[in-house]
Amino acid sequence: METLRGLEQLARDANAFRYQDLEDLLRDLDGDRLKLAARIALVPLVEAVDAWEALRPIILDHLAATELDGLRRTNVLAKEVEAPRFGHPTRRDAACSFLDANHWEAIRGEAE
C-alpha cells in the first residue's frame, strides 16, 4: 500500500471478506472458465484431495480439464495445490458471493 487511505480500504475489504484482486479476475470470466469457477465455488468439498478425486468427473462434466490450468494461470485458483481451491475458505466464500451477485445466471445454471 502506498497511502494510509489505501491501507484503510484494504482493511475494510478484508473485514468484509472482499478480495479486490479476485473480484477483478472473476468479473472478466466467461464461457467454460466461468462455469468451472462457479462449480468449484458452489462445491467447497472439492478442496479436499480425496473428495476432488471422486468429484472431478462431475465438476469437469462437458468441460476441458485444461480450463483448470487457465484458472490457475490467471490466479483465480491457487497454483500449488492438487485439488482446486480459491486459496483459503474466506476467499472461496468471497468468490461464491461475488459470482452470485455478478454472474447470477451462471451460478444458477451450474447449481441446477
C-alpha atoms as a PDB file:
ATOM      1  CA  MET A   1       0.000   0.000   0.000  1.00  0.00           C
ATOM      2  CA  GLU A   2       1.257   3.403  -0.920  1.00  0.00           C
ATOM      3  CA  THR A   3      -1.053   5.513   1.233  1.00  0.00           C
ATOM      4  CA  LEU A   4      -2.826   5.307   4.555  1.00  0.00           C
ATOM      5  CA  ARG A   5      -6.134   5.556   2.684  1.00  0.00           C
ATOM      6  CA  GLY A   6      -5.207   2.516   0.586  1.00  0.00           C
ATOM      7  CA  LEU A   7      -4.302   0.562   3.699  1.00  0.00           C
ATOM      8  CA  GLU A   8      -7.598   1.534   5.341  1.00  0.00           C
ATOM      9  CA  GLN A   9      -9.519   0.342   2.274  1.00  0.00           C
ATOM     10  CA  LEU A  10      -7.610  -2.920   2.283  1.00  0.00           C
ATOM     11  CA  ALA A  11      -8.534  -3.427   5.959  1.00  0.00           C
ATOM     12  CA  ARG A  12     -12.218  -2.647   5.234  1.00  0.00           C
ATOM     13  CA  ASP A  13     -12.233  -5.110   2.345  1.00  0.00           C
ATOM     14  CA  ALA A  14     -10.594  -7.792   4.497  1.00  0.00           C
ATOM     15  CA  ASN A  15     -13.160  -7.307   7.265  1.00  0.00           C
ATOM     16  CA  ALA A  16     -15.942  -7.579   4.688  1.00  0.00           C
ATOM     17  CA  PHE A  17     -14.288 -10.678   3.165  1.00  0.00           C
ATOM     18  CA  ARG A  18     -13.755  -8.863  -0.140  1.00  0.00           C
ATOM     19  CA  TYR A  19     -10.733  -9.536  -2.286  1.00  0.00           C
ATOM     20  CA  GLN A  20     -10.486  -6.881  -4.979  1.00  0.00           C
ATOM     21  CA  ASP A  21      -7.896  -8.826  -6.960  1.00  0.00           C
ATOM     22  CA  LEU A  22     -10.139 -11.890  -7.042  1.00  0.00           C
ATOM     23  CA  GLU A  23     -13.214  -9.837  -7.914  1.00  0.00           C
ATOM     24  CA  ASP A  24     -11.364  -8.280 -10.857  1.00  0.00           C
ATOM     25  CA  LEU A  25     -10.388 -11.741 -12.111  1.00  0.00           C
ATOM     26  CA  LEU A  26     -13.885 -13.195 -11.647  1.00  0.00           C
ATOM     27  CA  ARG A  27     -15.565 -10.211 -13.298  1.00  0.00           C
ATOM     28  CA  ASP A  28     -13.751 -10.963 -16.566  1.00  0.00           C
ATOM     29  CA  LEU A  29     -14.532 -14.685 -16.678  1.00  0.00           C
ATOM     30  CA  ASP A  30     -16.859 -16.074 -19.305  1.00  0.00           C
ATOM     31  CA  GLY A  31     -17.641 -19.317 -21.072  1.00  0.00           C
ATOM     32  CA  ASP A  32     -16.227 -22.548 -19.704  1.00  0.00           C
ATOM     33  CA  ARG A  33     -13.896 -20.823 -17.235  1.00  0.00           C
ATOM     34  CA  LEU A  34     -16.855 -19.075 -15.649  1.00  0.00           C
ATOM     35  CA  LYS A  35     -18.774 -22.354 -15.487  1.00  0.00           C
ATOM     36  CA  LEU A  36     -15.830 -24.119 -13.873  1.00  0.00           C
ATOM     37  CA  ALA A  37     -15.199 -21.341 -11.351  1.00  0.00           C
ATOM     38  CA  ALA A  38     -18.886 -21.401 -10.438  1.00  0.00           C
ATOM     39  CA  ARG A  39     -18.867 -25.169  -9.935  1.00  0.00           C
ATOM     40  CA  ILE A  40     -15.780 -25.027  -7.741  1.00  0.00           C
ATOM     41  CA  ALA A  41     -17.220 -22.145  -5.702  1.00  0.00           C
ATOM     42  CA  LEU A  42     -20.519 -23.971  -5.213  1.00  0.00           C
ATOM     43  CA  VAL A  43     -18.929 -27.234  -4.036  1.00  0.00           C
ATOM     44  CA  PRO A  44     -16.443 -26.429  -1.273  1.00  0.00           C
ATOM     45  CA  LEU A  45     -15.848 -30.129  -0.701  1.00  0.00           C
ATOM     46  CA  VAL A  46     -13.674 -30.210  -3.857  1.00  0.00           C
ATOM     47  CA  GLU A  47     -10.893 -28.540  -1.863  1.00  0.00           C
ATOM     48  CA  ALA A  48     -10.232 -31.854  -0.097  1.00  0.00           C
ATOM     49  CA  VAL A  49      -7.975 -34.059  -2.222  1.00  0.00           C
ATOM     50  CA  ASP A  50      -9.965 -37.246  -1.546  1.00  0.00           C
ATOM     51  CA  ALA A  51     -13.230 -35.553  -2.446  1.00  0.00           C
ATOM     52  CA  TRP A  52     -11.697 -33.945  -5.542  1.00  0.00           C
ATOM     53  CA  GLU A  53     -10.677 -37.350  -6.869  1.00  0.00           C
ATOM     54  CA  ALA A  54     -14.285 -38.520  -6.575  1.00  0.00           C
ATOM     55  CA  LEU A  55     -15.928 -35.277  -7.748  1.00  0.00           C
ATOM     56  CA  ARG A  56     -13.523 -34.405 -10.579  1.00  0.00           C
ATOM     57  CA  PRO A  57     -15.558 -36.130 -13.338  1.00  0.00           C
ATOM     58  CA  ILE A  58     -18.729 -34.406 -12.143  1.00  0.00           C
ATOM     59  CA  ILE A  59     -17.172 -30.940 -11.805  1.00  0.00           C
ATOM     60  CA  LEU A  60     -15.470 -31.231 -15.196  1.00  0.00           C
ATOM     61  CA  ASP A  61     -18.527 -32.690 -16.960  1.00  0.00           C
ATOM     62  CA  HIS A  62     -18.606 -31.254 -20.517  1.00  0.00           C
ATOM     63  CA  LEU A  63     -15.608 -29.007 -19.747  1.00  0.00           C
ATOM     64  CA  ALA A  64     -11.980 -29.381 -20.778  1.00  0.00           C
ATOM     65  CA  ALA A  65      -9.627 -30.175 -17.895  1.00  0.00           C
ATOM     66  CA  THR A  66      -7.288 -27.563 -19.341  1.00  0.00           C
ATOM     67  CA  GLU A  67      -9.671 -24.877 -18.057  1.00  0.00           C
ATOM     68  CA  LEU A  68      -8.302 -25.682 -14.585  1.00  0.00           C
ATOM     69  CA  ASP A  69      -4.856 -24.710 -15.832  1.00  0.00           C
ATOM     70  CA  GLY A  70      -6.266 -21.441 -17.151  1.00  0.00           C
ATOM     71  CA  LEU A  71      -7.889 -20.602 -13.818  1.00  0.00           C
ATOM     72  CA  ARG A  72      -4.634 -21.389 -12.016  1.00  0.00           C
ATOM     73  CA  ARG A  73      -2.502 -19.492 -14.517  1.00  0.00           C
ATOM     74  CA  THR A  74      -4.635 -16.355 -14.097  1.00  0.00           C
ATOM     75  CA  ASN A  75      -4.573 -16.659 -10.266  1.00  0.00           C
ATOM     76  CA  VAL A  76      -8.287 -17.326  -9.892  1.00  0.00           C
ATOM     77  CA  LEU A  77      -7.315 -20.646  -8.288  1.00  0.00           C
ATOM     78  CA  ALA A  78      -4.286 -21.422  -6.147  1.00  0.00           C
ATOM     79  CA  LYS A  79      -1.425 -22.822  -8.204  1.00  0.00           C
ATOM     80  CA  GLU A  80       0.453 -25.201  -5.935  1.00  0.00           C
ATOM     81  CA  VAL A  81      -2.347 -27.450  -4.713  1.00  0.00           C
ATOM     82  CA  GLU A  82      -3.675 -30.697  -6.127  1.00  0.00           C
ATOM     83  CA  ALA A  83      -7.366 -30.013  -5.575  1.00  0.00           C
ATOM     84  CA  PRO A  84      -8.811 -26.770  -6.960  1.00  0.00           C
ATOM     85  CA  ARG A  85      -9.242 -24.012  -4.418  1.00  0.00           C
ATOM     86  CA  PHE A  86      -9.515 -20.257  -4.396  1.00  0.00           C
ATOM     87  CA  GLY A  87      -6.874 -20.067  -1.675  1.00  0.00           C
ATOM     88  CA  HIS A  88      -8.486 -20.261   1.730  1.00  0.00           C
ATOM     89  CA  PRO A  89     -12.100 -20.690   2.903  1.00  0.00           C
ATOM     90  CA  THR A  90     -12.927 -16.987   3.221  1.00  0.00           C
ATOM     91  CA  ARG A  91     -11.595 -16.366  -0.280  1.00  0.00           C
ATOM     92  CA  ARG A  92     -13.832 -19.167  -1.608  1.00  0.00           C
ATOM     93  CA  ASP A  93     -16.787 -17.649   0.240  1.00  0.00           C
ATOM     94  CA  ALA A  94     -15.948 -14.264  -1.272  1.00  0.00           C
ATOM     95  CA  ALA A  95     -15.739 -15.837  -4.746  1.00  0.00           C
ATOM     96  CA  CYS A  96     -19.109 -17.515  -4.273  1.00  0.00           C
ATOM     97  CA  SER A  97     -20.721 -14.274  -3.078  1.00  0.00           C
ATOM     98  CA  PHE A  98     -19.214 -12.252  -5.906  1.00  0.00           C
ATOM     99  CA  LEU A  99     -20.234 -14.787  -8.549  1.00  0.00           C
ATOM    100  CA  ASP A 100     -23.745 -14.921  -7.108  1.00  0.00           C
ATOM    101  CA  ALA A 101     -24.050 -11.142  -7.206  1.00  0.00           C
ATOM    102  CA  ASN A 102     -22.409 -10.550 -10.594  1.00  0.00           C
ATOM    103  CA  HIS A 103     -22.858 -13.755 -12.586  1.00  0.00           C
ATOM    104  CA  TRP A 104     -26.207 -14.829 -11.170  1.00  0.00           C
ATOM    105  CA  GLU A 105     -27.389 -16.721 -14.249  1.00  0.00           C
ATOM    106  CA  ALA A 106     -24.139 -18.657 -14.478  1.00  0.00           C
ATOM    107  CA  ILE A 107     -24.311 -19.611 -10.802  1.00  0.00           C
ATOM    108  CA  ARG A 108     -27.963 -20.566 -11.130  1.00  0.00           C
ATOM    109  CA  GLY A 109     -27.309 -22.652 -14.221  1.00  0.00           C
ATOM    110  CA  GLU A 110     -24.403 -24.530 -12.654  1.00  0.00           C
ATOM    111  CA  ALA A 111     -26.213 -25.031  -9.358  1.00  0.00           C
ATOM    112  CA  GLU A 112     -29.074 -26.734 -11.189  1.00  0.00           C
END
